[in-house]
Full PDB file with SEQRES, HELIX, SHEET, SSBOND, CRYST1, ORIGX, SCALE, CONECT and MASTER records, all heavy atoms in Angstrom:
SEQRES   1 A   32  LYS VAL VAL TYR ALA GLU ALA ILE LEU LEU LEU ALA GLN          
SEQRES   2 A   32  LEU ASN ILE ALA SER GLY ASN PRO GLU ALA ALA VAL VAL          
SEQRES   3 A   32  ALA MET GLU GLU LEU LYS                                      
HELIX    1 AA1 ALA A    5  ALA A   17  1                                  13    
HELIX    2 AA2 PRO A   21  LEU A   31  1                                  11    
CRYST1    1.000    1.000    1.000  90.00  90.00  90.00 P 1           1          
ORIGX1      1.000000  0.000000  0.000000        0.00000                         
ORIGX2      0.000000  1.000000  0.000000        0.00000                         
ORIGX3      0.000000  0.000000  1.000000        0.00000                         
SCALE1      1.000000  0.000000  0.000000        0.00000                         
SCALE2      0.000000  1.000000  0.000000        0.00000                         
SCALE3      0.000000  0.000000  1.000000        0.00000                         
ATOM      1  N   LYS A   1       0.839  -1.206  -0.010  1.00  0.00           N  
ATOM      2  CA  LYS A   1      -0.015  -0.035  -0.006  1.00  0.00           C  
ATOM      3  C   LYS A   1       0.861   1.268  -0.011  1.00  0.00           C  
ATOM      4  O   LYS A   1       0.525   2.255   0.680  1.00  0.00           O  
ATOM      5  CB  LYS A   1      -0.982   0.004   1.201  1.00  0.00           C  
ATOM      6  CG  LYS A   1      -1.905  -1.190   1.188  1.00  0.00           C  
ATOM      7  CD  LYS A   1      -3.065  -1.050   2.185  1.00  0.00           C  
ATOM      8  CE  LYS A   1      -3.912  -2.288   2.229  1.00  0.00           C  
ATOM      9  NZ  LYS A   1      -4.459  -2.646   0.958  1.00  0.00           N  
ATOM     10  N   VAL A   2       1.969   1.220  -0.792  1.00  0.00           N  
ATOM     11  CA  VAL A   2       2.850   2.372  -0.893  1.00  0.00           C  
ATOM     12  C   VAL A   2       2.903   2.775  -2.370  1.00  0.00           C  
ATOM     13  O   VAL A   2       2.980   1.908  -3.229  1.00  0.00           O  
ATOM     14  CB  VAL A   2       4.244   2.044  -0.399  1.00  0.00           C  
ATOM     15  CG1 VAL A   2       5.243   3.159  -0.670  1.00  0.00           C  
ATOM     16  CG2 VAL A   2       4.262   1.696   1.057  1.00  0.00           C  
ATOM     17  N   VAL A   3       2.859   4.095  -2.645  1.00  0.00           N  
ATOM     18  CA  VAL A   3       2.997   4.567  -3.993  1.00  0.00           C  
ATOM     19  C   VAL A   3       4.501   4.870  -4.248  1.00  0.00           C  
ATOM     20  O   VAL A   3       5.067   5.834  -3.635  1.00  0.00           O  
ATOM     21  CB  VAL A   3       2.154   5.874  -4.240  1.00  0.00           C  
ATOM     22  CG1 VAL A   3       2.407   6.443  -5.652  1.00  0.00           C  
ATOM     23  CG2 VAL A   3       0.708   5.602  -3.995  1.00  0.00           C  
ATOM     24  N   TYR A   4       5.150   4.096  -5.067  1.00  0.00           N  
ATOM     25  CA  TYR A   4       6.579   4.241  -5.331  1.00  0.00           C  
ATOM     26  C   TYR A   4       6.749   5.208  -6.484  1.00  0.00           C  
ATOM     27  O   TYR A   4       6.993   4.827  -7.651  1.00  0.00           O  
ATOM     28  CB  TYR A   4       7.195   2.889  -5.651  1.00  0.00           C  
ATOM     29  CG  TYR A   4       8.684   2.795  -5.414  1.00  0.00           C  
ATOM     30  CD1 TYR A   4       9.330   1.563  -5.284  1.00  0.00           C  
ATOM     31  CD2 TYR A   4       9.513   3.914  -5.323  1.00  0.00           C  
ATOM     32  CE1 TYR A   4      10.714   1.442  -5.085  1.00  0.00           C  
ATOM     33  CE2 TYR A   4      10.846   3.870  -5.124  1.00  0.00           C  
ATOM     34  CZ  TYR A   4      11.462   2.635  -4.994  1.00  0.00           C  
ATOM     35  OH  TYR A   4      12.815   2.561  -4.762  1.00  0.00           O  
ATOM     36  N   ALA A   5       6.620   6.500  -6.155  1.00  0.00           N  
ATOM     37  CA  ALA A   5       6.617   7.543  -7.213  1.00  0.00           C  
ATOM     38  C   ALA A   5       7.858   7.550  -8.052  1.00  0.00           C  
ATOM     39  O   ALA A   5       7.783   7.691  -9.299  1.00  0.00           O  
ATOM     40  CB  ALA A   5       6.361   8.916  -6.552  1.00  0.00           C  
ATOM     41  N   GLU A   6       8.996   7.369  -7.427  1.00  0.00           N  
ATOM     42  CA  GLU A   6      10.263   7.465  -8.166  1.00  0.00           C  
ATOM     43  C   GLU A   6      10.344   6.362  -9.211  1.00  0.00           C  
ATOM     44  O   GLU A   6      10.800   6.605 -10.350  1.00  0.00           O  
ATOM     45  CB  GLU A   6      11.426   7.273  -7.163  1.00  0.00           C  
ATOM     46  CG  GLU A   6      12.782   7.732  -7.689  1.00  0.00           C  
ATOM     47  CD  GLU A   6      13.849   7.676  -6.676  1.00  0.00           C  
ATOM     48  OE1 GLU A   6      13.591   7.294  -5.469  1.00  0.00           O  
ATOM     49  OE2 GLU A   6      15.044   8.017  -6.990  1.00  0.00           O  
ATOM     50  N   ALA A   7       9.875   5.145  -8.885  1.00  0.00           N  
ATOM     51  CA  ALA A   7       9.869   4.062  -9.870  1.00  0.00           C  
ATOM     52  C   ALA A   7       8.852   4.301 -10.963  1.00  0.00           C  
ATOM     53  O   ALA A   7       9.115   4.023 -12.129  1.00  0.00           O  
ATOM     54  CB  ALA A   7       9.606   2.725  -9.155  1.00  0.00           C  
ATOM     55  N   ILE A   8       7.702   4.819 -10.588  1.00  0.00           N  
ATOM     56  CA  ILE A   8       6.663   5.080 -11.576  1.00  0.00           C  
ATOM     57  C   ILE A   8       7.080   6.152 -12.585  1.00  0.00           C  
ATOM     58  O   ILE A   8       6.881   6.041 -13.802  1.00  0.00           O  
ATOM     59  CB  ILE A   8       5.366   5.523 -10.894  1.00  0.00           C  
ATOM     60  CG1 ILE A   8       4.822   4.362 -10.028  1.00  0.00           C  
ATOM     61  CG2 ILE A   8       4.280   5.956 -11.917  1.00  0.00           C  
ATOM     62  CD1 ILE A   8       3.685   4.782  -9.098  1.00  0.00           C  
ATOM     63  N   LEU A   9       7.769   7.214 -12.069  1.00  0.00           N  
ATOM     64  CA  LEU A   9       8.262   8.259 -12.955  1.00  0.00           C  
ATOM     65  C   LEU A   9       9.340   7.737 -13.945  1.00  0.00           C  
ATOM     66  O   LEU A   9       9.300   8.060 -15.118  1.00  0.00           O  
ATOM     67  CB  LEU A   9       8.899   9.386 -12.101  1.00  0.00           C  
ATOM     68  CG  LEU A   9       7.902  10.225 -11.258  1.00  0.00           C  
ATOM     69  CD1 LEU A   9       8.642  11.063 -10.289  1.00  0.00           C  
ATOM     70  CD2 LEU A   9       7.054  11.092 -12.178  1.00  0.00           C  
ATOM     71  N   LEU A  10      10.259   6.928 -13.452  1.00  0.00           N  
ATOM     72  CA  LEU A  10      11.301   6.401 -14.272  1.00  0.00           C  
ATOM     73  C   LEU A  10      10.759   5.458 -15.335  1.00  0.00           C  
ATOM     74  O   LEU A  10      11.118   5.512 -16.493  1.00  0.00           O  
ATOM     75  CB  LEU A  10      12.396   5.699 -13.438  1.00  0.00           C  
ATOM     76  CG  LEU A  10      13.597   5.117 -14.217  1.00  0.00           C  
ATOM     77  CD1 LEU A  10      14.247   6.193 -15.046  1.00  0.00           C  
ATOM     78  CD2 LEU A  10      14.628   4.507 -13.248  1.00  0.00           C  
ATOM     79  N   LEU A  11       9.805   4.609 -14.937  1.00  0.00           N  
ATOM     80  CA  LEU A  11       9.175   3.707 -15.875  1.00  0.00           C  
ATOM     81  C   LEU A  11       8.411   4.502 -16.988  1.00  0.00           C  
ATOM     82  O   LEU A  11       8.477   4.152 -18.164  1.00  0.00           O  
ATOM     83  CB  LEU A  11       8.224   2.779 -15.175  1.00  0.00           C  
ATOM     84  CG  LEU A  11       7.502   1.722 -16.071  1.00  0.00           C  
ATOM     85  CD1 LEU A  11       8.486   0.851 -16.778  1.00  0.00           C  
ATOM     86  CD2 LEU A  11       6.527   0.898 -15.262  1.00  0.00           C  
ATOM     87  N   ALA A  12       7.766   5.578 -16.607  1.00  0.00           N  
ATOM     88  CA  ALA A  12       7.088   6.386 -17.605  1.00  0.00           C  
ATOM     89  C   ALA A  12       8.070   6.989 -18.590  1.00  0.00           C  
ATOM     90  O   ALA A  12       7.784   6.993 -19.804  1.00  0.00           O  
ATOM     91  CB  ALA A  12       6.303   7.486 -16.907  1.00  0.00           C  
ATOM     92  N   GLN A  13       9.206   7.449 -18.146  1.00  0.00           N  
ATOM     93  CA  GLN A  13      10.219   8.030 -19.025  1.00  0.00           C  
ATOM     94  C   GLN A  13      10.753   6.960 -20.022  1.00  0.00           C  
ATOM     95  O   GLN A  13      10.942   7.233 -21.207  1.00  0.00           O  
ATOM     96  CB  GLN A  13      11.376   8.606 -18.212  1.00  0.00           C  
ATOM     97  CG  GLN A  13      10.979   9.871 -17.473  1.00  0.00           C  
ATOM     98  CD  GLN A  13      12.083  10.368 -16.541  1.00  0.00           C  
ATOM     99  OE1 GLN A  13      12.472   9.629 -15.610  1.00  0.00           O  
ATOM    100  NE2 GLN A  13      12.598  11.514 -16.819  1.00  0.00           N  
ATOM    101  N   LEU A  14      10.942   5.737 -19.507  1.00  0.00           N  
ATOM    102  CA  LEU A  14      11.364   4.694 -20.387  1.00  0.00           C  
ATOM    103  C   LEU A  14      10.302   4.279 -21.409  1.00  0.00           C  
ATOM    104  O   LEU A  14      10.606   3.968 -22.535  1.00  0.00           O  
ATOM    105  CB  LEU A  14      11.789   3.439 -19.545  1.00  0.00           C  
ATOM    106  CG  LEU A  14      13.062   3.648 -18.695  1.00  0.00           C  
ATOM    107  CD1 LEU A  14      13.324   2.407 -17.867  1.00  0.00           C  
ATOM    108  CD2 LEU A  14      14.283   4.004 -19.538  1.00  0.00           C  
ATOM    109  N   ASN A  15       9.053   4.292 -21.009  1.00  0.00           N  
ATOM    110  CA  ASN A  15       7.951   4.010 -21.879  1.00  0.00           C  
ATOM    111  C   ASN A  15       7.947   5.059 -23.028  1.00  0.00           C  
ATOM    112  O   ASN A  15       7.700   4.723 -24.208  1.00  0.00           O  
ATOM    113  CB  ASN A  15       6.608   3.977 -21.171  1.00  0.00           C  
ATOM    114  CG  ASN A  15       6.320   2.590 -20.654  1.00  0.00           C  
ATOM    115  OD1 ASN A  15       6.531   1.580 -21.301  1.00  0.00           O  
ATOM    116  ND2 ASN A  15       5.783   2.513 -19.462  1.00  0.00           N  
ATOM    117  N   ILE A  16       8.123   6.315 -22.682  1.00  0.00           N  
ATOM    118  CA  ILE A  16       8.152   7.360 -23.731  1.00  0.00           C  
ATOM    119  C   ILE A  16       9.319   7.132 -24.660  1.00  0.00           C  
ATOM    120  O   ILE A  16       9.181   7.172 -25.911  1.00  0.00           O  
ATOM    121  CB  ILE A  16       8.290   8.756 -23.057  1.00  0.00           C  
ATOM    122  CG1 ILE A  16       7.041   9.094 -22.274  1.00  0.00           C  
ATOM    123  CG2 ILE A  16       8.535   9.855 -24.112  1.00  0.00           C  
ATOM    124  CD1 ILE A  16       7.185  10.288 -21.352  1.00  0.00           C  
ATOM    125  N   ALA A  17      10.513   6.828 -24.105  1.00  0.00           N  
ATOM    126  CA  ALA A  17      11.685   6.639 -24.936  1.00  0.00           C  
ATOM    127  C   ALA A  17      11.578   5.400 -25.851  1.00  0.00           C  
ATOM    128  O   ALA A  17      12.144   5.398 -26.909  1.00  0.00           O  
ATOM    129  CB  ALA A  17      12.937   6.489 -24.028  1.00  0.00           C  
ATOM    130  N   SER A  18      10.803   4.378 -25.365  1.00  0.00           N  
ATOM    131  CA  SER A  18      10.700   3.160 -26.166  1.00  0.00           C  
ATOM    132  C   SER A  18       9.518   3.139 -27.147  1.00  0.00           C  
ATOM    133  O   SER A  18       9.169   2.151 -27.724  1.00  0.00           O  
ATOM    134  CB  SER A  18      10.576   1.975 -25.211  1.00  0.00           C  
ATOM    135  OG  SER A  18       9.391   2.042 -24.453  1.00  0.00           O  
ATOM    136  N   GLY A  19       8.866   4.320 -27.254  1.00  0.00           N  
ATOM    137  CA  GLY A  19       7.749   4.465 -28.210  1.00  0.00           C  
ATOM    138  C   GLY A  19       6.389   4.010 -27.710  1.00  0.00           C  
ATOM    139  O   GLY A  19       5.508   3.685 -28.496  1.00  0.00           O  
ATOM    140  N   ASN A  20       6.219   4.006 -26.378  1.00  0.00           N  
ATOM    141  CA  ASN A  20       4.915   3.627 -25.783  1.00  0.00           C  
ATOM    142  C   ASN A  20       4.418   4.760 -24.860  1.00  0.00           C  
ATOM    143  O   ASN A  20       4.269   4.584 -23.680  1.00  0.00           O  
ATOM    144  CB  ASN A  20       5.116   2.296 -25.012  1.00  0.00           C  
ATOM    145  CG  ASN A  20       3.737   1.769 -24.514  1.00  0.00           C  
ATOM    146  OD1 ASN A  20       2.670   2.221 -24.983  1.00  0.00           O  
ATOM    147  ND2 ASN A  20       3.790   0.888 -23.554  1.00  0.00           N  
ATOM    148  N   PRO A  21       4.196   5.945 -25.454  1.00  0.00           N  
ATOM    149  CA  PRO A  21       3.868   7.112 -24.597  1.00  0.00           C  
ATOM    150  C   PRO A  21       2.495   7.011 -23.944  1.00  0.00           C  
ATOM    151  O   PRO A  21       2.284   7.563 -22.889  1.00  0.00           O  
ATOM    152  CB  PRO A  21       3.916   8.292 -25.542  1.00  0.00           C  
ATOM    153  CG  PRO A  21       3.680   7.699 -26.904  1.00  0.00           C  
ATOM    154  CD  PRO A  21       4.296   6.342 -26.863  1.00  0.00           C  
ATOM    155  N   GLU A  22       1.583   6.226 -24.534  1.00  0.00           N  
ATOM    156  CA  GLU A  22       0.196   6.128 -23.978  1.00  0.00           C  
ATOM    157  C   GLU A  22       0.271   5.435 -22.622  1.00  0.00           C  
ATOM    158  O   GLU A  22      -0.489   5.823 -21.718  1.00  0.00           O  
ATOM    159  CB  GLU A  22      -0.678   5.375 -24.923  1.00  0.00           C  
ATOM    160  CG  GLU A  22      -1.102   6.180 -26.166  1.00  0.00           C  
ATOM    161  CD  GLU A  22      -1.846   7.465 -25.804  1.00  0.00           C  
ATOM    162  OE1 GLU A  22      -2.473   7.535 -24.726  1.00  0.00           O  
ATOM    163  OE2 GLU A  22      -1.796   8.409 -26.611  1.00  0.00           O  
ATOM    164  N   ALA A  23       1.171   4.482 -22.462  1.00  0.00           N  
ATOM    165  CA  ALA A  23       1.282   3.831 -21.121  1.00  0.00           C  
ATOM    166  C   ALA A  23       1.787   4.839 -20.110  1.00  0.00           C  
ATOM    167  O   ALA A  23       1.338   4.846 -18.957  1.00  0.00           O  
ATOM    168  CB  ALA A  23       2.274   2.635 -21.240  1.00  0.00           C  
ATOM    169  N   ALA A  24       2.668   5.721 -20.544  1.00  0.00           N  
ATOM    170  CA  ALA A  24       3.171   6.818 -19.638  1.00  0.00           C  
ATOM    171  C   ALA A  24       2.075   7.798 -19.267  1.00  0.00           C  
ATOM    172  O   ALA A  24       1.987   8.214 -18.128  1.00  0.00           O  
ATOM    173  CB  ALA A  24       4.345   7.504 -20.322  1.00  0.00           C  
ATOM    174  N   VAL A  25       1.189   8.086 -20.288  1.00  0.00           N  
ATOM    175  CA  VAL A  25       0.101   8.984 -20.009  1.00  0.00           C  
ATOM    176  C   VAL A  25      -0.813   8.437 -18.902  1.00  0.00           C  
ATOM    177  O   VAL A  25      -1.175   9.130 -17.923  1.00  0.00           O  
ATOM    178  CB  VAL A  25      -0.761   9.263 -21.315  1.00  0.00           C  
ATOM    179  CG1 VAL A  25      -2.076   9.942 -20.963  1.00  0.00           C  
ATOM    180  CG2 VAL A  25       0.049  10.070 -22.291  1.00  0.00           C  
ATOM    181  N   VAL A  26      -1.183   7.188 -19.019  1.00  0.00           N  
ATOM    182  CA  VAL A  26      -2.043   6.524 -18.055  1.00  0.00           C  
ATOM    183  C   VAL A  26      -1.426   6.555 -16.674  1.00  0.00           C  
ATOM    184  O   VAL A  26      -2.052   6.931 -15.663  1.00  0.00           O  
ATOM    185  CB  VAL A  26      -2.382   5.082 -18.471  1.00  0.00           C  
ATOM    186  CG1 VAL A  26      -3.134   4.343 -17.355  1.00  0.00           C  
ATOM    187  CG2 VAL A  26      -3.222   5.058 -19.753  1.00  0.00           C  
ATOM    188  N   ALA A  27      -0.115   6.140 -16.599  1.00  0.00           N  
ATOM    189  CA  ALA A  27       0.548   6.109 -15.301  1.00  0.00           C  
ATOM    190  C   ALA A  27       0.674   7.488 -14.663  1.00  0.00           C  
ATOM    191  O   ALA A  27       0.476   7.634 -13.457  1.00  0.00           O  
ATOM    192  CB  ALA A  27       1.955   5.491 -15.503  1.00  0.00           C  
ATOM    193  N   MET A  28       0.952   8.496 -15.463  1.00  0.00           N  
ATOM    194  CA  MET A  28       1.177   9.815 -14.949  1.00  0.00           C  
ATOM    195  C   MET A  28      -0.153  10.474 -14.519  1.00  0.00           C  
ATOM    196  O   MET A  28      -0.231  11.207 -13.491  1.00  0.00           O  
ATOM    197  CB  MET A  28       1.859  10.761 -15.948  1.00  0.00           C  
ATOM    198  CG  MET A  28       3.317  10.376 -16.170  1.00  0.00           C  
ATOM    199  SD  MET A  28       4.369  10.472 -14.711  1.00  0.00           S  
ATOM    200  CE  MET A  28       4.359   8.787 -14.143  1.00  0.00           C  
ATOM    201  N   GLU A  29      -1.239  10.181 -15.251  1.00  0.00           N  
ATOM    202  CA  GLU A  29      -2.534  10.723 -14.877  1.00  0.00           C  
ATOM    203  C   GLU A  29      -2.979  10.125 -13.547  1.00  0.00           C  
ATOM    204  O   GLU A  29      -3.533  10.811 -12.671  1.00  0.00           O  
ATOM    205  CB  GLU A  29      -3.578  10.440 -15.981  1.00  0.00           C  
ATOM    206  CG  GLU A  29      -3.388  11.304 -17.192  1.00  0.00           C  
ATOM    207  CD  GLU A  29      -4.395  10.976 -18.299  1.00  0.00           C  
ATOM    208  OE1 GLU A  29      -4.931   9.878 -18.300  1.00  0.00           O  
ATOM    209  OE2 GLU A  29      -4.569  11.859 -19.199  1.00  0.00           O  
ATOM    210  N   GLU A  30      -2.694   8.822 -13.351  1.00  0.00           N  
ATOM    211  CA  GLU A  30      -3.043   8.151 -12.081  1.00  0.00           C  
ATOM    212  C   GLU A  30      -2.175   8.730 -10.898  1.00  0.00           C  
ATOM    213  O   GLU A  30      -2.678   9.019  -9.868  1.00  0.00           O  
ATOM    214  CB  GLU A  30      -2.804   6.659 -12.181  1.00  0.00           C  
ATOM    215  CG  GLU A  30      -3.857   6.002 -13.100  1.00  0.00           C  
ATOM    216  CD  GLU A  30      -3.618   4.498 -13.243  1.00  0.00           C  
ATOM    217  OE1 GLU A  30      -2.554   4.002 -12.661  1.00  0.00           O  
ATOM    218  OE2 GLU A  30      -4.383   3.798 -13.914  1.00  0.00           O  
ATOM    219  N   LEU A  31      -0.903   8.880 -11.227  1.00  0.00           N  
ATOM    220  CA  LEU A  31       0.035   9.370 -10.128  1.00  0.00           C  
ATOM    221  C   LEU A  31      -0.284  10.816  -9.792  1.00  0.00           C  
ATOM    222  O   LEU A  31      -0.162  11.196  -8.608  1.00  0.00           O  
ATOM    223  CB  LEU A  31       1.498   9.251 -10.627  1.00  0.00           C  
ATOM    224  CG  LEU A  31       2.579   9.627  -9.620  1.00  0.00           C  
ATOM    225  CD1 LEU A  31       2.442   8.753  -8.349  1.00  0.00           C  
ATOM    226  CD2 LEU A  31       3.965   9.469 -10.249  1.00  0.00           C  
ATOM    227  N   LYS A  32      -0.729  11.608 -10.777  1.00  0.00           N  
ATOM    228  CA  LYS A  32      -1.048  13.021 -10.498  1.00  0.00           C  
ATOM    229  C   LYS A  32      -2.232  13.122  -9.521  1.00  0.00           C  
ATOM    230  O   LYS A  32      -2.292  14.046  -8.697  1.00  0.00           O  
ATOM    231  CB  LYS A  32      -1.367  13.744 -11.833  1.00  0.00           C  
ATOM    232  CG  LYS A  32      -1.365  15.288 -11.654  1.00  0.00           C  
ATOM    233  CD  LYS A  32      -1.546  15.943 -12.997  1.00  0.00           C  
ATOM    234  CE  LYS A  32      -1.522  17.448 -12.818  1.00  0.00           C  
ATOM    235  NZ  LYS A  32      -1.682  18.175 -14.130  1.00  0.00           N  
TER     236      LYS A  32                                                      
MASTER        0    0    0    2    0    0    0    6  235    1    0    3          
END                                                                             
């Protein structure tokens, strides 16, 4: 029951870099 923001942010950046930005959008909207 912990939000690991640092890991979520890094994963989102890697998703953007690997051509999967929509996954990053979903993760960032939830984290926001």
